[in-house]
Amino acid sequence: MPASASELAGRLAASIEALVLHAGEADADAAKRGIEQLAQRLGYTAAHCSRVFQSAYGMSPRQYLSMVKLRQAKLLLMDSELSVEQVAVRLGYHDVSQFSKQFKRWTNLSPSAYRQLSF
């Protein structure tokens, strides 16, 4: 068992970040399953883990997942070798338009507009 609440929150954060780095697994359901699996392995409920995470990070695991995905999307969009569609796939989106809409919600810019600004 983790020694402290901050260690538990850190393990949850690392789990969420690992989901984002594995294409196709970066959706909210995968994050929820990851939290449930980690909680079960550690002998806690998923609700307890979510409360600990919220307390440590000031946001829900789902909000953290969005933040990590946005950060990764921005990094990938700065790589001019990747198309917007390739970036979407790497982040687990099955539809480039879904990724584009979400990116615009996050930044008020389309992925293409963000890419132009970053060069």
N, C-alpha and C. Protein backbone atom coordinates (compact mmCIF):
# COMPACT_ATOMS: atom_id res chain seq x y z
N MET A 1 0.83 -1.19 0.00
CA MET A 1 0.00 0.00 0.00
C MET A 1 0.87 1.25 0.00
N PRO A 2 0.40 2.29 -0.66
CA PRO A 2 1.18 3.54 -0.65
C PRO A 2 1.33 4.06 0.77
N ALA A 3 2.43 4.73 1.01
CA ALA A 3 2.71 5.27 2.34
C ALA A 3 1.85 6.49 2.64
N SER A 4 1.40 7.19 1.63
CA SER A 4 0.67 8.43 1.88
C SER A 4 -0.32 8.71 0.76
N ALA A 5 -1.20 9.67 1.04
CA ALA A 5 -2.17 10.09 0.04
C ALA A 5 -1.46 10.68 -1.18
N SER A 6 -0.38 11.42 -0.95
CA SER A 6 0.32 12.02 -2.09
C SER A 6 0.97 10.95 -2.96
N GLU A 7 1.43 9.86 -2.35
CA GLU A 7 1.99 8.76 -3.15
C GLU A 7 0.90 8.10 -3.97
N LEU A 8 -0.27 7.89 -3.37
CA LEU A 8 -1.40 7.32 -4.10
C LEU A 8 -1.78 8.22 -5.27
N ALA A 9 -1.89 9.52 -5.03
CA ALA A 9 -2.24 10.47 -6.09
C ALA A 9 -1.19 10.45 -7.19
N GLY A 10 0.07 10.37 -6.81
CA GLY A 10 1.15 10.31 -7.79
C GLY A 10 1.07 9.06 -8.65
N ARG A 11 0.73 7.94 -8.04
CA ARG A 11 0.60 6.70 -8.81
C ARG A 11 -0.56 6.80 -9.78
N LEU A 12 -1.66 7.41 -9.34
CA LEU A 12 -2.80 7.60 -10.23
C LEU A 12 -2.43 8.51 -11.40
N ALA A 13 -1.73 9.59 -11.12
CA ALA A 13 -1.31 10.52 -12.18
C ALA A 13 -0.41 9.80 -13.18
N ALA A 14 0.53 9.01 -12.68
CA ALA A 14 1.43 8.27 -13.57
C ALA A 14 0.64 7.29 -14.43
N SER A 15 -0.39 6.67 -13.86
CA SER A 15 -1.24 5.76 -14.61
C SER A 15 -1.95 6.48 -15.75
N ILE A 16 -2.49 7.65 -15.45
CA ILE A 16 -3.20 8.43 -16.46
C ILE A 16 -2.24 8.86 -17.56
N GLU A 17 -1.06 9.32 -17.19
CA GLU A 17 -0.08 9.74 -18.20
C GLU A 17 0.33 8.57 -19.08
N ALA A 18 0.46 7.38 -18.50
CA ALA A 18 0.81 6.20 -19.30
C ALA A 18 -0.29 5.89 -20.31
N LEU A 19 -1.55 6.11 -19.92
CA LEU A 19 -2.66 5.88 -20.85
C LEU A 19 -2.54 6.78 -22.08
N VAL A 20 -2.16 8.03 -21.87
CA VAL A 20 -2.06 8.99 -22.97
C VAL A 20 -0.93 8.59 -23.91
N LEU A 21 0.12 8.02 -23.39
CA LEU A 21 1.26 7.65 -24.21
C LEU A 21 1.01 6.39 -25.03
N HIS A 22 -0.06 5.67 -24.73
CA HIS A 22 -0.40 4.47 -25.49
C HIS A 22 -1.61 4.78 -26.36
N ALA A 23 -1.37 4.95 -27.64
CA ALA A 23 -2.44 5.32 -28.59
C ALA A 23 -3.63 4.39 -28.44
N GLY A 24 -4.79 4.97 -28.53
CA GLY A 24 -6.02 4.20 -28.46
C GLY A 24 -6.51 3.94 -27.05
N GLU A 25 -5.75 4.34 -26.05
CA GLU A 25 -6.16 4.08 -24.67
C GLU A 25 -6.39 5.37 -23.89
N ALA A 26 -6.41 6.48 -24.56
CA ALA A 26 -6.42 7.76 -23.86
C ALA A 26 -7.81 8.35 -23.69
N ASP A 27 -8.83 7.50 -23.61
CA ASP A 27 -10.16 8.05 -23.41
C ASP A 27 -10.54 8.04 -21.93
N ALA A 28 -11.60 8.72 -21.61
CA ALA A 28 -12.02 8.85 -20.21
C ALA A 28 -12.39 7.50 -19.61
N ASP A 29 -12.97 6.61 -20.42
CA ASP A 29 -13.32 5.28 -19.91
C ASP A 29 -12.07 4.50 -19.53
N ALA A 30 -11.02 4.63 -20.33
CA ALA A 30 -9.76 3.95 -20.01
C ALA A 30 -9.16 4.50 -18.73
N ALA A 31 -9.26 5.80 -18.54
CA ALA A 31 -8.75 6.41 -17.31
C ALA A 31 -9.53 5.89 -16.11
N LYS A 32 -10.84 5.81 -16.27
CA LYS A 32 -11.68 5.30 -15.18
C LYS A 32 -11.32 3.85 -14.86
N ARG A 33 -11.16 3.03 -15.90
CA ARG A 33 -10.77 1.63 -15.68
C ARG A 33 -9.41 1.54 -15.01
N GLY A 34 -8.49 2.39 -15.44
CA GLY A 34 -7.15 2.40 -14.85
C GLY A 34 -7.19 2.74 -13.38
N ILE A 35 -8.01 3.71 -13.02
CA ILE A 35 -8.15 4.09 -11.61
C ILE A 35 -8.79 2.96 -10.82
N GLU A 36 -9.82 2.34 -11.40
CA GLU A 36 -10.48 1.23 -10.72
C GLU A 36 -9.53 0.07 -10.50
N GLN A 37 -8.72 -0.25 -11.52
CA GLN A 37 -7.77 -1.35 -11.40
C GLN A 37 -6.70 -1.05 -10.35
N LEU A 38 -6.17 0.15 -10.38
CA LEU A 38 -5.14 0.52 -9.41
C LEU A 38 -5.73 0.53 -8.00
N ALA A 39 -6.92 1.07 -7.86
CA ALA A 39 -7.58 1.11 -6.55
C ALA A 39 -7.77 -0.30 -6.01
N GLN A 40 -8.25 -1.18 -6.86
CA GLN A 40 -8.48 -2.57 -6.45
C GLN A 40 -7.17 -3.22 -6.03
N ARG A 41 -6.13 -3.01 -6.82
CA ARG A 41 -4.82 -3.60 -6.53
C ARG A 41 -4.28 -3.11 -5.18
N LEU A 42 -4.59 -1.86 -4.84
CA LEU A 42 -4.08 -1.26 -3.61
C LEU A 42 -5.03 -1.42 -2.42
N GLY A 43 -6.21 -1.98 -2.68
CA GLY A 43 -7.16 -2.20 -1.60
C GLY A 43 -8.02 -1.00 -1.26
N TYR A 44 -8.19 -0.08 -2.20
CA TYR A 44 -9.03 1.10 -2.00
C TYR A 44 -10.20 1.06 -2.97
N THR A 45 -11.19 1.91 -2.71
CA THR A 45 -12.28 2.06 -3.68
C THR A 45 -11.86 3.12 -4.71
N ALA A 46 -12.47 3.05 -5.88
CA ALA A 46 -12.18 4.04 -6.92
C ALA A 46 -12.60 5.43 -6.45
N ALA A 47 -13.70 5.51 -5.69
CA ALA A 47 -14.17 6.81 -5.18
C ALA A 47 -13.13 7.41 -4.24
N HIS A 48 -12.56 6.59 -3.38
CA HIS A 48 -11.52 7.09 -2.46
C HIS A 48 -10.32 7.61 -3.26
N CYS A 49 -9.90 6.84 -4.24
CA CYS A 49 -8.75 7.26 -5.06
C CYS A 49 -9.04 8.57 -5.77
N SER A 50 -10.26 8.72 -6.28
CA SER A 50 -10.62 9.97 -6.96
C SER A 50 -10.60 11.15 -6.00
N ARG A 51 -11.10 10.94 -4.77
CA ARG A 51 -11.07 12.02 -3.76
C ARG A 51 -9.64 12.40 -3.41
N VAL A 52 -8.78 11.39 -3.23
CA VAL A 52 -7.38 11.66 -2.90
C VAL A 52 -6.72 12.42 -4.04
N PHE A 53 -7.00 12.00 -5.26
CA PHE A 53 -6.43 12.66 -6.44
C PHE A 53 -6.90 14.11 -6.50
N GLN A 54 -8.20 14.33 -6.32
CA GLN A 54 -8.77 15.68 -6.35
C GLN A 54 -8.11 16.56 -5.29
N SER A 55 -7.91 16.01 -4.12
CA SER A 55 -7.30 16.77 -3.03
C SER A 55 -5.84 17.12 -3.35
N ALA A 56 -5.11 16.19 -3.93
CA ALA A 56 -3.69 16.40 -4.21
C ALA A 56 -3.46 17.30 -5.42
N TYR A 57 -4.27 17.15 -6.46
CA TYR A 57 -4.04 17.85 -7.73
C TYR A 57 -5.00 19.00 -7.99
N GLY A 58 -6.05 19.11 -7.19
CA GLY A 58 -7.00 20.20 -7.39
C GLY A 58 -7.88 20.02 -8.61
N MET A 59 -7.95 18.81 -9.12
CA MET A 59 -8.80 18.50 -10.28
C MET A 59 -9.12 17.01 -10.25
N SER A 60 -10.16 16.65 -10.96
CA SER A 60 -10.55 15.25 -11.03
C SER A 60 -9.58 14.49 -11.94
N PRO A 61 -9.54 13.16 -11.82
CA PRO A 61 -8.71 12.39 -12.75
C PRO A 61 -9.09 12.64 -14.21
N ARG A 62 -10.37 12.83 -14.48
CA ARG A 62 -10.82 13.10 -15.85
C ARG A 62 -10.27 14.44 -16.35
N GLN A 63 -10.31 15.46 -15.50
CA GLN A 63 -9.74 16.77 -15.88
C GLN A 63 -8.24 16.65 -16.10
N TYR A 64 -7.58 15.86 -15.27
CA TYR A 64 -6.14 15.65 -15.43
C TYR A 64 -5.85 14.96 -16.76
N LEU A 65 -6.67 13.97 -17.11
CA LEU A 65 -6.51 13.29 -18.39
C LEU A 65 -6.61 14.30 -19.53
N SER A 66 -7.57 15.20 -19.48
CA SER A 66 -7.71 16.23 -20.52
C SER A 66 -6.49 17.12 -20.58
N MET A 67 -5.97 17.51 -19.42
CA MET A 67 -4.79 18.37 -19.38
C MET A 67 -3.57 17.67 -20.00
N VAL A 68 -3.40 16.40 -19.67
CA VAL A 68 -2.26 15.65 -20.21
C VAL A 68 -2.42 15.46 -21.72
N LYS A 69 -3.64 15.17 -22.16
CA LYS A 69 -3.88 15.01 -23.60
C LYS A 69 -3.63 16.31 -24.34
N LEU A 70 -4.05 17.43 -23.77
CA LEU A 70 -3.81 18.73 -24.41
C LEU A 70 -2.31 18.99 -24.52
N ARG A 71 -1.59 18.76 -23.44
CA ARG A 71 -0.14 18.97 -23.46
C ARG A 71 0.52 18.10 -24.54
N GLN A 72 0.12 16.84 -24.61
CA GLN A 72 0.69 15.93 -25.60
C GLN A 72 0.28 16.35 -27.02
N ALA A 73 -0.97 16.79 -27.19
CA ALA A 73 -1.44 17.24 -28.50
C ALA A 73 -0.60 18.42 -28.98
N LYS A 74 -0.35 19.38 -28.10
CA LYS A 74 0.46 20.54 -28.47
C LYS A 74 1.86 20.12 -28.88
N LEU A 75 2.45 19.21 -28.14
CA LEU A 75 3.80 18.73 -28.49
C LEU A 75 3.81 18.04 -29.84
N LEU A 76 2.82 17.18 -30.07
CA LEU A 76 2.76 16.45 -31.33
C LEU A 76 2.47 17.37 -32.51
N LEU A 77 1.65 18.40 -32.30
CA LEU A 77 1.34 19.33 -33.39
C LEU A 77 2.55 20.17 -33.78
N MET A 78 3.50 20.32 -32.87
CA MET A 78 4.71 21.06 -33.21
C MET A 78 5.64 20.25 -34.11
N ASP A 79 5.37 18.96 -34.25
CA ASP A 79 6.14 18.10 -35.15
C ASP A 79 5.48 18.17 -36.52
N SER A 80 6.10 18.91 -37.43
CA SER A 80 5.48 19.13 -38.74
C SER A 80 5.44 17.86 -39.59
N GLU A 81 6.12 16.82 -39.16
CA GLU A 81 6.10 15.55 -39.91
C GLU A 81 4.78 14.80 -39.71
N LEU A 82 4.07 15.11 -38.65
CA LEU A 82 2.82 14.41 -38.34
C LEU A 82 1.63 15.20 -38.85
N SER A 83 0.70 14.51 -39.50
CA SER A 83 -0.55 15.17 -39.90
C SER A 83 -1.44 15.31 -38.67
N VAL A 84 -2.44 16.15 -38.77
CA VAL A 84 -3.39 16.31 -37.67
C VAL A 84 -4.08 14.97 -37.41
N GLU A 85 -4.37 14.23 -38.46
CA GLU A 85 -4.99 12.92 -38.30
C GLU A 85 -4.07 11.97 -37.53
N GLN A 86 -2.77 11.99 -37.82
CA GLN A 86 -1.83 11.13 -37.10
C GLN A 86 -1.76 11.52 -35.62
N VAL A 87 -1.81 12.81 -35.35
CA VAL A 87 -1.81 13.27 -33.95
C VAL A 87 -3.06 12.75 -33.25
N ALA A 88 -4.21 12.87 -33.91
CA ALA A 88 -5.46 12.40 -33.33
C ALA A 88 -5.39 10.91 -32.99
N VAL A 89 -4.87 10.12 -33.91
CA VAL A 89 -4.75 8.68 -33.70
C VAL A 89 -3.81 8.38 -32.53
N ARG A 90 -2.71 9.07 -32.46
CA ARG A 90 -1.75 8.85 -31.37
C ARG A 90 -2.35 9.15 -30.01
N LEU A 91 -3.33 10.04 -29.98
CA LEU A 91 -3.97 10.40 -28.72
C LEU A 91 -5.22 9.57 -28.42
N GLY A 92 -5.49 8.61 -29.28
CA GLY A 92 -6.61 7.70 -29.02
C GLY A 92 -7.93 8.09 -29.63
N TYR A 93 -7.94 9.12 -30.48
CA TYR A 93 -9.18 9.51 -31.15
C TYR A 93 -9.35 8.64 -32.39
N HIS A 94 -10.58 8.20 -32.61
CA HIS A 94 -10.87 7.38 -33.78
C HIS A 94 -11.35 8.23 -34.94
N ASP A 95 -11.61 9.50 -34.65
CA ASP A 95 -12.15 10.41 -35.66
C ASP A 95 -11.42 11.75 -35.53
N VAL A 96 -10.78 12.19 -36.60
CA VAL A 96 -10.01 13.44 -36.55
C VAL A 96 -10.91 14.64 -36.25
N SER A 97 -12.16 14.59 -36.68
CA SER A 97 -13.05 15.73 -36.40
C SER A 97 -13.37 15.82 -34.91
N GLN A 98 -13.47 14.69 -34.24
CA GLN A 98 -13.69 14.69 -32.79
C GLN A 98 -12.48 15.31 -32.09
N PHE A 99 -11.28 14.94 -32.52
CA PHE A 99 -10.07 15.53 -31.95
C PHE A 99 -10.04 17.03 -32.20
N SER A 100 -10.34 17.44 -33.43
CA SER A 100 -10.30 18.87 -33.78
C SER A 100 -11.28 19.68 -32.94
N LYS A 101 -12.49 19.14 -32.75
CA LYS A 101 -13.48 19.84 -31.93
C LYS A 101 -13.01 19.96 -30.48
N GLN A 102 -12.46 18.88 -29.95
CA GLN A 102 -11.98 18.91 -28.57
C GLN A 102 -10.80 19.87 -28.43
N PHE A 103 -9.88 19.85 -29.37
CA PHE A 103 -8.72 20.75 -29.32
C PHE A 103 -9.18 22.20 -29.35
N LYS A 104 -10.18 22.47 -30.19
CA LYS A 104 -10.70 23.85 -30.27
C LYS A 104 -11.37 24.25 -28.96
N ARG A 105 -12.07 23.31 -28.29
CA ARG A 105 -12.66 23.61 -26.98
C ARG A 105 -11.57 23.96 -25.97
N TRP A 106 -10.46 23.24 -26.02
CA TRP A 106 -9.36 23.47 -25.09
C TRP A 106 -8.66 24.80 -25.33
N THR A 107 -8.46 25.16 -26.62
CA THR A 107 -7.56 26.26 -26.94
C THR A 107 -8.20 27.43 -27.70
N ASN A 108 -9.42 27.27 -28.16
CA ASN A 108 -10.08 28.23 -29.05
C ASN A 108 -9.38 28.34 -30.40
N LEU A 109 -8.57 27.36 -30.72
CA LEU A 109 -7.88 27.30 -32.02
C LEU A 109 -8.05 25.91 -32.60
N SER A 110 -8.12 25.83 -33.92
CA SER A 110 -8.10 24.51 -34.55
C SER A 110 -6.68 23.96 -34.44
N PRO A 111 -6.50 22.65 -34.56
CA PRO A 111 -5.14 22.11 -34.54
C PRO A 111 -4.24 22.74 -35.61
N SER A 112 -4.78 22.97 -36.79
CA SER A 112 -3.99 23.58 -37.86
C SER A 112 -3.59 25.01 -37.52
N ALA A 113 -4.51 25.77 -36.95
CA ALA A 113 -4.19 27.15 -36.56
C ALA A 113 -3.14 27.16 -35.45
N TYR A 114 -3.26 26.25 -34.50
CA TYR A 114 -2.26 26.15 -33.43
C TYR A 114 -0.88 25.84 -34.02
N ARG A 115 -0.88 24.92 -34.96
CA ARG A 115 0.39 24.52 -35.60
C ARG A 115 1.03 25.72 -36.30
N GLN A 116 0.24 26.52 -36.99
CA GLN A 116 0.78 27.70 -37.68
C GLN A 116 1.34 28.71 -36.70
N LEU A 117 0.68 28.88 -35.56
CA LEU A 117 1.16 29.82 -34.54
C LEU A 117 2.44 29.35 -33.87
N SER A 118 2.63 28.05 -33.80
CA SER A 118 3.79 27.53 -33.07
C SER A 118 5.05 27.48 -33.92
N PHE A 119 4.93 27.83 -35.20
CA PHE A 119 6.14 27.85 -36.05
C PHE A 119 6.55 29.25 -36.37
